[in-house]
Amino acid sequence: MHDFETNADLPLPPLAHARGCTCPLHQRRRVAAWAGLGAGVSLLPASVLAQDDGVRQQVGRESKFTQLVPAEQVEQAAQQQYVQLKKEAQGKRALAPDSHPQVIRLRAIAQRIIPYTYAWNPRARDWKWEVNLIGSRELNAFCMPGGKIAFYWGILRQLQLSDDEVAMIMGHEMAHALREHARERMGKSSATRIGANLISSLLGLGQLGDAALGMGAQLLTLKFSREDESEADLVGLDLAARAGYDPRAGVSLWQKMLKANEGAPPEFMSTHPAGPTRIADIERTLPKVLPLYDKAPKPPERFSPPAA
């Protein structure tokens, strides 16, 4: 039994195995396939990638504030913070191993979505995408700049998420990274609060390394605006639909989220639009993304959520 499942600080029951995916050989093949994505390998033909516009007409251009902060430095800071997060989780025996069924599940879903990210941000082809599962009861998930993704055990188990619902969360979080919301907000902060000295540093004219480390400390606690969250919903629906996941799961997902805290949004949704508003926005977007889902190749197999 994995330490992740028997951690004294974060006691977690054994997870349900993926349907049709308990064979160690199949698991090794999935890990190998996941590793190939680090080199930006697209598993899908160009004809599939070049589908309808989806939500592109609803999403605005890149913010001018992103130009105040070098993308490479934000991604470097995110990498450092992600490594630290994993190290701390390992120290608590709360980092799920590569062979864990739910890690295999998350990476299989990511593997389907990632090829569709390139059209939203060309640099995503060069990102070292990574997905991990943290043994925490928090209802949380995130994708840091550069494609560093983490899901928390609590959001999978407590909400009993279907693969479609996991894809909605993953697409949403990827969208934050693709649309560079963290970089934008740091640019705004530099322009309005920190001032010219830090901007100069970020542009390579001063203590760049120190500034990047300071950024990294903010990335896990950064709160996005409601506009950013709404945009991430739209882009996330688009990504998941193109990958063959039913975008209607966006509605059931946020209904579960609201119910989990008896109507009060959990931390994961703290700066999101109000529940009814959010669901209405998703429902209005469905006619644009359902055709993408209808055309998309569907996942060859489905996975079980963690045992309740």
Protein backbone atom coordinates (compact mmCIF):
# COMPACT_ATOMS: atom_id res chain seq x y z
CA MET A 1 0.00 0.00 0.00
CA HIS A 2 1.35 3.42 -0.93
CA ASP A 3 2.50 5.83 1.79
CA PHE A 4 0.15 8.33 0.17
CA GLU A 5 -2.77 6.15 1.24
CA THR A 6 -1.58 5.55 4.82
CA ASN A 7 -0.17 8.96 5.74
CA ALA A 8 -0.73 9.52 9.44
CA ASP A 9 -1.21 13.25 8.99
CA LEU A 10 -3.56 12.91 6.03
CA PRO A 11 -5.25 9.50 6.39
CA LEU A 12 -6.71 8.55 3.03
CA PRO A 13 -8.50 5.34 2.05
CA PRO A 14 -7.26 3.25 -0.88
CA LEU A 15 -8.44 4.69 -4.18
CA ALA A 16 -10.70 2.92 -6.64
CA HIS A 17 -8.79 1.62 -9.65
CA ALA A 18 -9.53 2.88 -13.10
CA ARG A 19 -12.03 0.82 -15.01
CA GLY A 20 -10.15 -1.31 -17.49
CA CYS A 21 -6.84 0.15 -16.35
CA THR A 22 -5.58 -1.92 -13.39
CA CYS A 23 -3.05 -3.87 -15.41
CA PRO A 24 0.51 -2.76 -14.48
CA LEU A 25 1.51 -2.97 -18.16
CA HIS A 26 -1.28 -0.57 -19.10
CA GLN A 27 -0.20 1.74 -16.31
CA ARG A 28 3.40 1.72 -17.52
CA ARG A 29 2.23 2.50 -21.03
CA ARG A 30 0.22 5.45 -19.73
CA VAL A 31 3.20 6.81 -17.79
CA ALA A 32 5.37 6.48 -20.92
CA ALA A 33 2.75 8.24 -23.05
CA TRP A 34 2.53 11.03 -20.48
CA ALA A 35 6.31 11.48 -20.53
CA GLY A 36 6.18 12.12 -24.27
CA LEU A 37 4.07 15.22 -23.77
CA GLY A 38 6.98 17.04 -22.16
CA ALA A 39 8.49 17.39 -25.63
CA GLY A 40 5.32 18.98 -26.99
CA VAL A 41 4.16 15.89 -28.89
CA SER A 42 0.73 16.28 -30.47
CA LEU A 43 -1.21 13.04 -30.63
CA LEU A 44 -3.89 14.48 -32.90
CA PRO A 45 -3.97 15.27 -36.62
CA ALA A 46 -4.02 18.86 -37.79
CA SER A 47 -7.50 18.39 -39.21
CA VAL A 48 -8.82 17.70 -35.72
CA LEU A 49 -6.87 20.57 -34.13
CA ALA A 50 -8.24 23.05 -36.68
CA GLN A 51 -11.87 22.88 -35.59
CA ASP A 52 -14.47 25.63 -35.33
CA ASP A 53 -13.70 28.87 -33.54
CA GLY A 54 -15.61 27.88 -30.40
CA VAL A 55 -15.32 30.70 -27.86
CA ARG A 56 -12.46 32.56 -29.52
CA GLN A 57 -14.63 35.49 -30.53
CA GLN A 58 -15.70 35.98 -26.90
CA VAL A 59 -12.18 36.09 -25.50
CA GLY A 60 -10.25 39.32 -25.70
CA ARG A 61 -6.65 39.94 -26.61
CA GLU A 62 -3.70 39.59 -24.28
CA SER A 63 -3.54 42.32 -21.66
CA LYS A 64 -0.89 44.99 -22.11
CA PHE A 65 0.11 44.47 -18.48
CA THR A 66 1.64 41.09 -19.32
CA GLN A 67 4.38 42.92 -21.21
CA LEU A 68 5.65 44.40 -17.93
CA VAL A 69 6.71 40.98 -16.66
CA PRO A 70 8.87 38.55 -18.67
CA ALA A 71 7.01 35.28 -19.25
CA GLU A 72 10.15 33.22 -18.70
CA GLN A 73 10.66 34.66 -15.23
CA VAL A 74 7.08 33.96 -14.17
CA GLU A 75 7.36 30.39 -15.43
CA GLN A 76 10.70 29.95 -13.68
CA ALA A 77 9.23 31.20 -10.42
CA ALA A 78 6.29 28.83 -10.85
CA GLN A 79 8.64 25.91 -11.42
CA GLN A 80 10.51 26.71 -8.21
CA GLN A 81 7.29 27.01 -6.23
CA TYR A 82 5.94 23.76 -7.68
CA VAL A 83 9.12 21.88 -6.79
CA GLN A 84 8.83 23.20 -3.25
CA LEU A 85 5.18 22.15 -3.06
CA LYS A 86 6.05 18.62 -4.16
CA LYS A 87 8.95 18.45 -1.71
CA GLU A 88 6.71 19.44 1.17
CA ALA A 89 4.06 16.92 0.11
CA GLN A 90 6.67 14.17 -0.11
CA GLY A 91 7.86 15.05 3.38
CA LYS A 92 4.32 14.41 4.64
CA ARG A 93 3.97 11.28 2.48
CA ALA A 94 1.13 13.07 0.70
CA LEU A 95 2.40 13.06 -2.89
CA ALA A 96 0.75 10.31 -4.90
CA PRO A 97 3.16 8.12 -6.89
CA ASP A 98 3.11 7.86 -10.67
CA SER A 99 1.51 4.41 -10.45
CA HIS A 100 -1.45 5.64 -8.40
CA PRO A 101 -4.76 5.03 -10.25
CA GLN A 102 -5.98 8.58 -9.76
CA VAL A 103 -2.69 10.04 -10.97
CA ILE A 104 -2.98 7.87 -14.07
CA ARG A 105 -6.53 9.12 -14.48
CA LEU A 106 -5.58 12.81 -14.18
CA ARG A 107 -2.67 12.45 -16.57
CA ALA A 108 -4.79 10.59 -19.12
CA ILE A 109 -7.28 13.47 -19.13
CA ALA A 110 -4.49 16.04 -19.38
CA GLN A 111 -2.91 14.09 -22.20
CA ARG A 112 -6.07 14.56 -24.25
CA ILE A 113 -6.42 18.28 -23.51
CA ILE A 114 -2.83 19.49 -23.87
CA PRO A 115 -2.62 19.36 -27.71
CA TYR A 116 -5.48 21.89 -27.87
CA THR A 117 -3.65 24.37 -25.64
CA TYR A 118 -1.14 25.32 -28.33
CA ALA A 119 -3.64 27.40 -30.29
CA TRP A 120 -4.29 29.52 -27.18
CA ASN A 121 -0.63 30.09 -26.32
CA PRO A 122 2.17 28.97 -28.67
CA ARG A 123 4.64 28.73 -25.77
CA ALA A 124 2.57 25.88 -24.36
CA ARG A 125 4.27 23.56 -26.86
CA ASP A 126 7.52 24.05 -24.95
CA TRP A 127 6.10 23.86 -21.44
CA LYS A 128 7.17 20.91 -19.33
CA TRP A 129 3.63 19.88 -18.46
CA GLU A 130 3.27 18.06 -15.16
CA VAL A 131 0.28 16.74 -13.21
CA ASN A 132 0.38 15.56 -9.61
CA LEU A 133 -2.08 14.58 -6.90
CA ILE A 134 -1.67 15.96 -3.38
CA GLY A 135 -3.07 14.16 -0.34
CA SER A 136 -5.10 17.01 1.12
CA ARG A 137 -8.81 17.25 1.91
CA GLU A 138 -8.97 20.71 0.32
CA LEU A 139 -11.40 21.23 -2.54
CA ASN A 140 -8.73 22.68 -4.77
CA ALA A 141 -6.80 22.38 -8.02
CA PHE A 142 -4.54 24.71 -9.97
CA CYS A 143 -2.32 25.08 -13.03
CA MET A 144 0.67 27.34 -12.51
CA PRO A 145 2.41 29.22 -15.35
CA GLY A 146 4.39 26.79 -17.47
CA GLY A 147 1.86 23.95 -17.16
CA LYS A 148 2.43 22.80 -13.56
CA ILE A 149 -0.85 21.20 -12.46
CA ALA A 150 -1.94 19.84 -9.08
CA PHE A 151 -5.20 18.34 -7.95
CA TYR A 152 -6.02 17.84 -4.30
CA TRP A 153 -7.47 14.58 -3.08
CA GLY A 154 -10.44 16.31 -1.48
CA ILE A 155 -11.86 17.70 -4.71
CA LEU A 156 -11.84 14.27 -6.35
CA ARG A 157 -13.21 12.31 -3.42
CA GLN A 158 -15.68 14.69 -1.81
CA LEU A 159 -17.28 15.75 -5.09
CA GLN A 160 -17.03 12.29 -6.71
CA LEU A 161 -16.07 13.89 -9.99
CA SER A 162 -16.71 12.22 -13.30
CA ASP A 163 -14.03 12.39 -15.99
CA ASP A 164 -16.03 15.10 -17.74
CA GLU A 165 -16.12 17.16 -14.54
CA VAL A 166 -12.39 16.65 -13.94
CA ALA A 167 -11.81 17.87 -17.50
CA MET A 168 -13.86 21.01 -16.79
CA ILE A 169 -11.67 21.83 -13.79
CA MET A 170 -8.47 20.98 -15.61
CA GLY A 171 -9.44 23.03 -18.67
CA HIS A 172 -10.37 25.97 -16.45
CA GLU A 173 -7.06 25.89 -14.60
CA MET A 174 -5.05 25.42 -17.79
CA ALA A 175 -6.86 28.45 -19.19
CA HIS A 176 -5.50 30.65 -16.40
CA ALA A 177 -1.97 29.65 -17.40
CA LEU A 178 -2.60 29.92 -21.13
CA ARG A 179 -4.19 33.35 -20.85
CA GLU A 180 -1.35 34.38 -18.50
CA HIS A 181 -3.64 35.74 -15.82
CA ALA A 182 -0.93 35.49 -13.15
CA ARG A 183 1.54 37.40 -15.32
CA GLU A 184 -1.12 40.02 -16.06
CA ARG A 185 -1.93 40.55 -12.39
CA MET A 186 1.74 40.77 -11.51
CA GLY A 187 2.15 43.35 -14.25
CA LYS A 188 -0.72 45.37 -12.84
CA SER A 189 0.79 45.10 -9.38
CA SER A 190 4.13 46.28 -10.71
CA ALA A 191 2.53 49.22 -12.46
CA THR A 192 0.25 50.35 -9.67
CA ARG A 193 1.89 49.40 -6.38
CA ILE A 194 5.43 48.18 -6.59
CA GLY A 195 6.70 50.92 -8.86
CA ALA A 196 9.44 51.51 -11.35
CA ASN A 197 12.26 49.84 -9.40
CA LEU A 198 10.71 46.39 -9.50
CA ILE A 199 9.62 46.84 -13.12
CA SER A 200 13.22 47.67 -13.94
CA SER A 201 14.34 44.49 -12.17
CA LEU A 202 11.76 42.38 -13.98
CA LEU A 203 12.99 43.72 -17.30
CA GLY A 204 16.50 42.57 -16.55
CA LEU A 205 17.92 45.88 -15.37
CA GLY A 206 18.34 44.92 -11.73
CA GLN A 207 18.01 42.04 -9.28
CA LEU A 208 15.97 39.81 -11.56
CA GLY A 209 16.48 36.60 -9.62
CA ASP A 210 15.24 38.09 -6.36
CA ALA A 211 12.19 39.53 -8.07
CA ALA A 212 11.36 36.16 -9.65
CA LEU A 213 11.61 34.43 -6.28
CA GLY A 214 9.31 37.04 -4.82
CA MET A 215 6.82 36.29 -7.55
CA GLY A 216 7.00 32.59 -6.84
CA ALA A 217 5.85 33.14 -3.29
CA GLN A 218 2.67 34.75 -4.64
CA LEU A 219 1.68 32.18 -7.23
CA LEU A 220 -0.04 29.65 -4.98
CA THR A 221 -2.06 32.32 -3.20
CA LEU A 222 -2.84 34.56 -6.16
CA LYS A 223 -6.51 35.43 -6.51
CA PHE A 224 -7.82 36.08 -9.97
CA SER A 225 -10.50 38.62 -10.77
CA ARG A 226 -14.03 37.60 -11.64
CA GLU A 227 -13.32 38.61 -15.23
CA ASP A 228 -10.35 36.23 -15.30
CA GLU A 229 -12.45 33.45 -13.79
CA SER A 230 -15.22 33.94 -16.35
CA GLU A 231 -12.69 33.90 -19.16
CA ALA A 232 -11.10 30.72 -17.78
CA ASP A 233 -14.55 29.10 -17.71
CA LEU A 234 -15.05 29.88 -21.40
CA VAL A 235 -11.61 28.72 -22.51
CA GLY A 236 -11.80 25.67 -20.24
CA LEU A 237 -15.10 24.58 -21.76
CA ASP A 238 -13.59 24.98 -25.23
CA LEU A 239 -10.49 22.95 -24.39
CA ALA A 240 -12.38 20.13 -22.71
CA ALA A 241 -14.98 19.90 -25.48
CA ARG A 242 -12.31 19.64 -28.17
CA ALA A 243 -10.67 16.86 -26.14
CA GLY A 244 -13.90 14.84 -26.15
CA TYR A 245 -15.32 15.71 -22.73
CA ASP A 246 -18.94 16.78 -22.38
CA PRO A 247 -19.06 20.53 -21.61
CA ARG A 248 -22.48 20.11 -20.00
CA ALA A 249 -20.54 18.70 -17.06
CA GLY A 250 -19.59 22.30 -16.28
CA VAL A 251 -23.10 22.80 -14.92
CA SER A 252 -23.10 19.68 -12.74
CA LEU A 253 -19.60 20.50 -11.50
CA TRP A 254 -20.50 23.92 -10.13
CA GLN A 255 -23.74 22.60 -8.68
CA LYS A 256 -21.63 20.09 -6.73
CA MET A 257 -19.24 22.84 -5.69
CA LEU A 258 -22.00 24.98 -4.27
CA LYS A 259 -23.65 22.06 -2.49
CA ALA A 260 -20.36 20.98 -0.91
CA ASN A 261 -20.41 24.01 1.39
CA GLU A 262 -24.18 24.34 1.65
CA GLY A 263 -24.31 27.17 -0.85
CA ALA A 264 -21.21 29.02 0.34
CA PRO A 265 -18.39 28.78 -2.20
CA PRO A 266 -15.28 26.87 -1.06
CA GLU A 267 -11.86 28.47 -1.31
CA PHE A 268 -11.51 27.18 -4.86
CA MET A 269 -14.38 29.46 -5.90
CA SER A 270 -13.79 32.38 -3.57
CA THR A 271 -13.34 34.99 -6.27
CA HIS A 272 -15.53 33.36 -8.89
CA PRO A 273 -18.83 34.78 -10.09
CA ALA A 274 -21.84 33.84 -8.00
CA GLY A 275 -23.06 30.28 -8.57
CA PRO A 276 -26.27 31.03 -10.48
CA THR A 277 -24.50 33.62 -12.62
CA ARG A 278 -21.70 31.24 -13.41
CA ILE A 279 -24.01 28.38 -14.34
CA ALA A 280 -26.08 30.71 -16.54
CA ASP A 281 -22.91 31.86 -18.32
CA ILE A 282 -21.88 28.25 -18.94
CA GLU A 283 -25.32 27.38 -20.26
CA ARG A 284 -25.18 30.34 -22.66
CA THR A 285 -21.81 29.11 -23.93
CA LEU A 286 -22.89 25.50 -24.50
CA PRO A 287 -24.26 26.10 -28.04
CA LYS A 288 -20.76 27.20 -29.10
CA VAL A 289 -18.86 24.30 -27.57
CA LEU A 290 -21.28 21.38 -27.96
CA PRO A 291 -20.52 21.19 -31.73
CA LEU A 292 -16.83 20.86 -30.83
CA TYR A 293 -17.66 18.02 -28.47
CA ASP A 294 -19.87 16.30 -31.03
CA LYS A 295 -17.03 16.31 -33.59
CA ALA A 296 -14.27 15.34 -31.16
CA PRO A 297 -12.92 11.81 -30.74
CA LYS A 298 -14.09 10.53 -27.38
CA PRO A 299 -11.91 8.98 -24.66
CA PRO A 300 -11.51 5.24 -25.28
CA GLU A 301 -12.18 4.44 -21.63
CA ARG A 302 -13.59 6.00 -18.50
CA PHE A 303 -12.11 6.02 -15.02
CA SER A 304 -13.65 5.63 -11.60
CA PRO A 305 -13.61 8.45 -9.06
CA PRO A 306 -12.05 7.66 -5.67
CA ALA A 307 -14.02 5.36 -3.40
CA ALA A 308 -16.37 7.38 -1.22
